Protein backbone atom coordinates (compact mmCIF):
# COMPACT_ATOMS: atom_id res chain seq x y z
CA MET A 1 -0.02 0.43 -0.15
CA SER A 2 1.53 3.34 -1.24
CA THR A 3 0.94 6.47 1.78
CA PRO A 4 -1.78 9.07 0.69
CA SER A 5 -0.40 11.68 -0.88
CA TRP A 6 -1.53 14.27 1.51
CA LEU A 7 0.98 12.90 4.51
CA VAL A 8 3.33 15.19 3.02
CA ALA A 9 2.15 17.46 1.37
CA LYS A 10 0.92 19.95 4.29
CA PRO A 11 1.86 20.47 7.88
CA ILE A 12 0.37 18.52 9.80
CA ALA A 13 -1.20 20.72 13.61
CA HIS A 14 -0.12 18.35 16.68
CA ARG A 15 -2.93 17.75 18.49
CA GLY A 16 -5.05 20.46 16.21
CA LEU A 17 -4.33 23.83 16.22
CA HIS A 18 -3.82 24.85 19.83
CA ASP A 19 -3.64 28.15 21.24
CA LYS A 20 -3.41 27.88 24.96
CA ALA A 21 -2.63 31.63 25.86
CA ASN A 22 -6.04 32.23 23.97
CA GLY A 23 -8.17 29.98 24.93
CA VAL A 24 -7.63 27.27 22.61
CA ILE A 25 -6.78 23.80 24.17
CA GLU A 26 -4.92 20.66 22.19
CA ASN A 27 -7.13 17.52 20.99
CA THR A 28 -10.24 19.67 21.87
CA LEU A 29 -12.95 20.39 18.82
CA ALA A 30 -12.08 24.48 19.00
CA ALA A 31 -8.17 23.27 18.44
CA ALA A 32 -9.38 21.56 15.58
CA GLU A 33 -11.66 23.49 14.31
CA ALA A 34 -8.98 25.80 14.26
CA ALA A 35 -6.90 23.54 11.62
CA ILE A 36 -9.40 23.22 9.70
CA ALA A 37 -10.00 26.85 9.14
CA ARG A 38 -6.26 27.56 8.33
CA GLY A 39 -6.31 24.22 6.26
CA PHE A 40 -4.42 21.98 7.41
CA PRO A 41 -4.37 18.12 8.85
CA ILE A 42 -4.27 17.71 13.08
CA GLU A 43 -2.94 14.90 14.56
CA LEU A 44 -4.01 13.61 17.26
CA ASP A 45 -4.42 11.73 20.61
CA VAL A 46 -6.66 8.55 21.25
CA GLN A 47 -7.35 6.87 25.28
CA LEU A 48 -9.26 3.41 26.64
CA THR A 49 -11.70 4.28 29.06
CA ALA A 50 -13.10 2.02 31.58
CA ASP A 51 -15.69 0.70 29.42
CA GLU A 52 -13.96 0.76 26.16
CA GLU A 53 -14.37 3.63 24.55
CA ALA A 54 -11.85 5.61 22.65
CA ILE A 55 -11.37 9.72 23.96
CA VAL A 56 -8.93 12.27 22.42
CA PHE A 57 -6.76 12.85 24.72
CA HIS A 58 -3.00 12.76 25.43
CA ASP A 59 -1.98 12.38 28.52
CA PHE A 60 -2.71 8.98 31.07
CA GLU A 61 -3.40 11.14 33.97
CA LEU A 62 -6.47 13.82 34.14
CA ASP A 63 -4.47 16.08 36.34
CA ARG A 64 -2.95 18.39 33.47
CA LEU A 65 -5.51 19.08 31.09
CA THR A 66 -8.74 18.95 33.43
CA GLY A 67 -7.39 19.70 36.79
CA ARG A 68 -8.76 15.93 38.26
CA THR A 69 -6.57 13.49 39.64
CA GLY A 70 -6.29 9.79 38.53
CA LEU A 71 -6.45 8.23 35.33
CA VAL A 72 -8.30 7.78 32.18
CA ALA A 73 -8.61 4.18 32.31
CA GLU A 74 -10.66 4.58 35.07
CA ARG A 75 -13.23 6.23 33.88
CA ARG A 76 -15.79 5.57 32.33
CA LEU A 77 -16.09 6.96 28.99
CA SER A 78 -19.96 8.90 30.16
CA GLU A 79 -18.31 10.88 32.42
CA LEU A 80 -14.72 11.88 30.86
CA VAL A 81 -17.45 13.53 28.19
CA ASP A 82 -18.43 15.47 31.08
CA LEU A 83 -15.29 16.77 32.03
CA GLY A 84 -14.34 19.56 30.73
CA ILE A 85 -10.69 20.64 29.70
CA ALA A 86 -8.92 23.15 32.23
CA GLY A 87 -8.50 27.23 30.31
CA ALA A 88 -10.81 26.54 27.33
CA LYS A 89 -12.43 29.56 26.82
CA GLY A 90 -15.52 28.23 25.02
CA GLY A 91 -16.53 25.20 27.56
CA ASP A 92 -14.88 22.59 25.61
CA LYS A 93 -14.89 19.08 27.01
CA ILE A 94 -13.50 15.74 26.40
CA PRO A 95 -14.41 14.54 22.99
CA SER A 96 -15.16 10.88 22.32
CA LEU A 97 -13.09 9.49 19.21
CA LYS A 98 -16.85 8.88 17.90
CA ASP A 99 -17.79 13.02 18.45
CA TYR A 100 -13.97 14.14 16.99
CA LEU A 101 -14.78 12.39 14.34
CA ALA A 102 -18.47 13.03 13.37
CA ARG A 103 -17.56 16.62 14.06
CA ILE A 104 -13.98 16.57 11.13
CA ALA A 105 -16.76 14.49 9.22
CA GLY A 106 -13.21 14.29 6.60
CA ARG A 107 -13.50 17.94 6.05
CA THR A 108 -9.38 17.59 6.81
CA PRO A 109 -6.59 14.36 7.00
CA LEU A 110 -6.25 13.21 11.00
CA VAL A 111 -3.45 11.10 11.87
CA ILE A 112 -4.26 9.56 15.36
CA GLU A 113 -2.37 8.12 17.49
CA VAL A 114 -3.40 4.53 19.48
CA LYS A 115 -1.68 5.23 23.55
CA SER A 116 0.28 2.60 24.85
CA ARG A 117 1.01 1.22 28.00
CA PHE A 118 3.33 -1.06 26.04
CA ASN A 119 1.38 -4.01 28.12
CA GLY A 120 0.03 -6.16 24.80
CA ASP A 121 -3.01 -5.17 25.78
CA MET A 122 -4.89 -4.25 22.24
CA ARG A 123 -8.30 -2.77 23.41
CA LEU A 124 -7.99 0.46 22.30
CA ALA A 125 -6.42 -0.85 19.08
CA LYS A 126 -9.53 -2.74 18.01
CA ARG A 127 -11.92 -0.02 19.55
CA VAL A 128 -10.43 2.15 17.11
CA VAL A 129 -10.83 0.01 14.39
CA GLU A 130 -13.90 -0.74 14.97
CA ILE A 131 -14.97 2.68 15.44
CA LEU A 132 -13.02 4.17 11.53
CA SER A 133 -14.79 1.42 9.58
CA ASP A 134 -17.76 3.73 9.57
CA TYR A 135 -15.32 6.78 8.92
CA SER A 136 -15.53 7.92 5.26
CA GLY A 137 -13.16 11.03 5.94
CA PRO A 138 -8.64 10.41 5.22
CA PHE A 139 -6.93 9.43 7.58
CA VAL A 140 -3.68 6.99 8.43
CA VAL A 141 -2.83 5.74 12.14
CA LYS A 142 0.17 5.66 14.24
CA SER A 143 1.95 4.17 17.47
CA PHE A 144 5.06 4.40 19.51
CA ASP A 145 4.04 1.01 20.50
CA PRO A 146 5.21 -1.84 17.55
CA ASP A 147 2.83 -4.00 19.09
CA ILE A 148 -0.17 -2.10 17.88
CA VAL A 149 1.62 -1.51 14.55
CA ALA A 150 1.42 -4.84 14.32
CA TYR A 151 -2.19 -4.87 15.34
CA LEU A 152 -3.65 -3.25 12.88
CA ARG A 153 -1.08 -4.96 10.02
CA ARG A 154 -3.30 -8.39 10.07
CA HIS A 155 -6.70 -7.02 11.15
CA ALA A 156 -6.22 -3.68 9.37
CA PRO A 157 -3.86 -4.57 6.84
CA GLY A 158 -6.24 -1.42 4.58
CA ILE A 159 -5.70 0.93 7.26
CA THR A 160 -2.42 3.41 6.22
CA ARG A 161 0.01 2.43 9.48
CA GLY A 162 2.81 4.55 10.76
CA PHE A 163 4.96 3.41 13.48
CA ILE A 164 6.72 6.50 15.67
CA GLY A 165 9.93 6.85 17.00
CA GLU A 166 12.73 8.51 19.03
CA LEU A 167 16.71 6.68 19.97
CA GLU A 168 16.34 7.42 22.92
CA TYR A 169 12.73 6.97 25.01
CA ALA A 170 13.70 9.26 27.36
CA SER A 171 10.60 10.75 29.12
CA LYS A 172 8.51 9.77 31.97
CA SER A 173 6.10 7.64 29.93
CA ASP A 174 8.82 5.56 28.75
CA SER A 175 10.25 5.22 32.02
CA PHE A 176 9.56 1.49 31.89
CA LEU A 177 10.55 0.24 28.55
CA SER A 178 13.59 -2.44 29.16
CA PRO A 179 16.49 -1.47 27.54
CA GLU A 180 16.20 -4.31 25.08
CA GLN A 181 12.87 -2.61 24.16
CA LYS A 182 14.53 0.64 23.41
CA HIS A 183 16.83 -1.21 21.48
CA ARG A 184 14.32 -2.82 19.67
CA PHE A 185 12.82 0.07 18.93
CA ALA A 186 14.87 2.86 18.09
CA ASN A 187 16.89 0.58 15.26
CA LEU A 188 13.22 -1.02 13.75
CA LEU A 189 13.89 -4.28 14.68
CA HIS A 190 10.63 -5.03 15.11
CA PHE A 191 10.33 -3.99 11.13
CA GLU A 192 8.69 -8.09 9.85
CA GLU A 193 6.63 -7.34 11.77
CA THR A 194 5.13 -4.03 11.52
CA GLN A 195 5.82 -3.78 7.69
CA PRO A 196 4.66 0.79 8.61
CA HIS A 197 3.89 2.01 5.56
CA PHE A 198 5.40 5.17 7.35
CA LEU A 199 7.49 6.57 9.90
CA SER A 200 6.99 9.18 12.16
CA TRP A 201 9.80 10.37 14.47
CA ARG A 202 11.49 12.86 17.03
CA VAL A 203 12.89 16.58 15.13
CA LYS A 204 15.64 16.28 17.62
CA ASP A 205 16.97 12.39 17.00
CA LEU A 206 17.42 13.92 12.95
CA PRO A 207 19.34 12.49 10.88
CA CYS A 208 19.57 8.96 12.06
CA ALA A 209 19.87 5.91 10.13
CA SER A 210 16.42 4.62 11.32
CA THR A 211 14.81 7.50 8.56
CA TYR A 212 17.63 7.25 6.54
CA LEU A 213 17.30 3.73 5.72
CA SER A 214 14.49 3.74 5.40
CA ARG A 215 13.98 6.50 2.80
CA LEU A 216 16.62 5.35 1.08
CA LEU A 217 15.77 1.87 0.61
CA GLY A 218 12.41 0.92 1.95
CA HIS A 219 11.04 4.96 0.51
CA LEU A 220 9.32 5.46 3.80
CA PRO A 221 8.11 9.02 4.06
CA VAL A 222 8.77 10.24 7.07
CA MET A 223 6.98 13.35 9.65
CA THR A 224 9.29 14.47 11.93
CA TRP A 225 7.44 15.82 15.38
CA THR A 226 7.47 18.28 16.98
CA VAL A 227 8.70 21.79 15.15
CA ARG A 228 8.42 24.36 17.09
CA ASN A 229 11.09 26.71 16.06
CA PRO A 230 13.03 28.12 12.72
CA GLU A 231 15.80 25.30 13.95
CA ASP A 232 13.60 22.59 14.30
CA ARG A 233 12.06 23.39 11.39
CA ALA A 234 15.26 23.10 9.04
CA ARG A 235 16.19 19.89 10.39
CA ALA A 236 12.60 18.21 8.83
CA GLU A 237 13.11 20.32 5.62
CA LYS A 238 16.15 18.39 5.26
CA HIS A 239 15.73 15.04 7.12
CA ALA A 240 11.97 14.32 6.64
CA ASP A 241 8.97 14.30 4.42
CA GLN A 242 6.63 15.91 6.83
CA MET A 243 6.40 17.62 9.69
CA VAL A 244 4.11 17.76 12.78
CA PHE A 245 4.08 21.23 14.19
CA GLU A 246 2.53 23.28 17.22
CA GLY A 247 3.22 27.37 18.49
CA PHE A 248 3.58 28.95 15.11
CA LEU A 249 1.75 29.46 11.99
CA PRO A 250 4.39 27.28 8.91
């Protein structure tokens, strides 16, 4: 399968075209509408709820964006969609993936990131595939977890799939990964199982062998994240095919 042409045609708004200073918060419908108004595709994150539904939300914890405590995975969909987003001037709440897709309605392409705890749990991937089966707009799906990308390859081969990578995996959310997993992920040693159609790579880690060889030998497009300044943009333009940006208008 070839990647869709839109994937490399125009920069992609990271979690929508958000602007916290003006009350437009990441992954909200307001941020989505702002991206659509400017003609940008949208990158968004999905998490699993306690009742195995999918919501559009980045963090595993509620604290940073809602002012509430606890894990997203411990609450049911009905509870989560009633939670307001801190700082949102328009009164935005957490959207379900279904509601988000209904609002977008094919008006701009979507890059959907399936979040993971790297524990073999495929419930979120399964639910995302189910929901997307009824969506006719343009989209691709990606994940940091090669097991999820492999799941997409086996169970939804018609979906364009991508692997998100970096070299160090040094963030808080990566702290439970073993050194062996980090080495495997950074060097694409899962490639035979995942066979991604594109890569999404940390801009600070470019150039690197994984992306260079994938572009040169595998002809895989590389998008890069998250571009926030002129230095990052110059690196993206030299070593990648597309960028996921925030904090400025490209």
